[in-house]
Amino acid sequence: GEEVENVDYYFFDTKTFLPVATRYFSLTGQTQGAGVENLFSDYRLVSGLLFPFSVDTSYNGQPGEALRLKTIETNVVLNPQLFAFPE
């Protein structure tokens, strides 16, 4: 429940203005000084919008997860019961 400060940086391609990376740094708390970087690539057009189909994450400069998407769907109709709280 304690609020801690973080610093967030956003990097954009100067020609397309698409986000290519984000970098987060924790300034306080147990994770003080820790950095997380996300690199976005393989942008594809889906329903008139560009989405990154590849996201690579690193922690303090060390390789982390690699997310590769096969498909992205927009405006999907979902059953409202998926969001209902249990009785």
Protein backbone atom coordinates (compact mmCIF):
# COMPACT_ATOMS: atom_id res chain seq x y z
CA GLY A 1 0.00 0.00 0.00
CA GLU A 2 2.94 2.43 0.05
CA GLU A 3 3.39 4.65 -3.00
CA VAL A 4 6.93 4.67 -4.43
CA GLU A 5 8.41 6.80 -7.17
CA ASN A 6 9.57 5.43 -10.50
CA VAL A 7 11.03 7.03 -13.60
CA ASP A 8 9.59 6.04 -16.98
CA TYR A 9 11.17 6.78 -20.37
CA TYR A 10 9.44 6.30 -23.73
CA PHE A 11 11.39 6.08 -27.00
CA PHE A 12 9.76 6.69 -30.41
CA ASP A 13 10.88 6.19 -33.98
CA THR A 14 11.47 9.65 -35.44
CA LYS A 15 9.97 8.77 -38.83
CA THR A 16 6.93 6.69 -37.89
CA PHE A 17 6.40 7.99 -34.32
CA LEU A 18 5.81 4.40 -33.21
CA PRO A 19 7.04 3.43 -29.74
CA VAL A 20 10.22 1.35 -30.05
CA ALA A 21 11.17 1.03 -26.37
CA THR A 22 10.24 1.83 -22.79
CA ARG A 23 12.61 1.98 -19.83
CA TYR A 24 11.51 2.01 -16.18
CA PHE A 25 13.62 2.73 -13.10
CA SER A 26 12.56 2.37 -9.49
CA LEU A 27 13.92 5.21 -7.34
CA THR A 28 12.87 3.95 -3.93
CA GLY A 29 11.85 0.82 -2.07
CA GLN A 30 13.17 -2.73 -2.34
CA THR A 31 13.67 -2.45 -6.10
CA GLN A 32 15.59 0.85 -5.92
CA GLY A 33 17.86 1.23 -8.93
CA ALA A 34 16.31 -1.68 -10.81
CA GLY A 35 15.64 -1.11 -14.48
CA VAL A 36 13.29 -2.83 -16.90
CA GLU A 37 13.48 -2.27 -20.66
CA ASN A 38 10.92 -3.33 -23.28
CA LEU A 39 11.79 -3.30 -27.00
CA PHE A 40 8.88 -3.28 -29.47
CA SER A 41 9.23 -4.49 -33.07
CA ASP A 42 7.56 -6.35 -35.93
CA TYR A 43 4.70 -3.84 -36.23
CA ARG A 44 1.76 -5.08 -38.31
CA LEU A 45 -1.48 -3.46 -39.41
CA VAL A 46 -4.57 -4.84 -37.62
CA SER A 47 -7.96 -3.22 -38.20
CA GLY A 48 -6.28 -0.03 -39.37
CA LEU A 49 -3.94 0.21 -36.35
CA LEU A 50 -0.27 -0.76 -35.99
CA PHE A 51 0.57 -3.22 -33.20
CA PRO A 52 3.96 -4.65 -32.17
CA PHE A 53 3.96 -8.43 -32.60
CA SER A 54 7.32 -8.76 -30.84
CA VAL A 55 8.28 -7.49 -27.37
CA ASP A 56 11.64 -8.27 -25.74
CA THR A 57 12.10 -7.51 -22.04
CA SER A 58 15.37 -7.17 -20.15
CA TYR A 59 16.04 -6.61 -16.45
CA ASN A 60 19.06 -4.50 -15.46
CA GLY A 61 20.56 -5.23 -18.88
CA GLN A 62 20.08 -9.00 -18.58
CA PRO A 63 17.85 -10.81 -21.10
CA GLY A 64 14.38 -11.65 -19.87
CA GLU A 65 11.18 -12.64 -21.62
CA ALA A 66 10.52 -12.63 -25.34
CA LEU A 67 6.87 -12.24 -26.38
CA ARG A 68 5.91 -13.21 -29.94
CA LEU A 69 2.29 -12.76 -31.00
CA LYS A 70 0.70 -14.74 -33.81
CA THR A 71 -2.55 -12.79 -34.04
CA ILE A 72 -4.24 -9.75 -32.54
CA GLU A 73 -8.00 -9.29 -32.70
CA THR A 74 -9.84 -6.03 -32.14
CA ASN A 75 -13.42 -5.35 -31.06
CA VAL A 76 -13.99 -8.95 -30.02
CA VAL A 77 -17.40 -9.53 -28.41
CA LEU A 78 -16.92 -11.21 -25.02
CA ASN A 79 -19.40 -12.80 -22.69
CA PRO A 80 -19.95 -10.38 -19.75
CA GLN A 81 -19.86 -13.39 -17.39
CA LEU A 82 -16.10 -13.51 -17.93
CA PHE A 83 -15.88 -10.36 -15.79
CA ALA A 84 -18.47 -11.26 -13.14
CA PHE A 85 -17.31 -11.63 -9.54
CA PRO A 86 -17.83 -15.06 -8.00
CA GLU A 87 -20.84 -15.43 -5.70
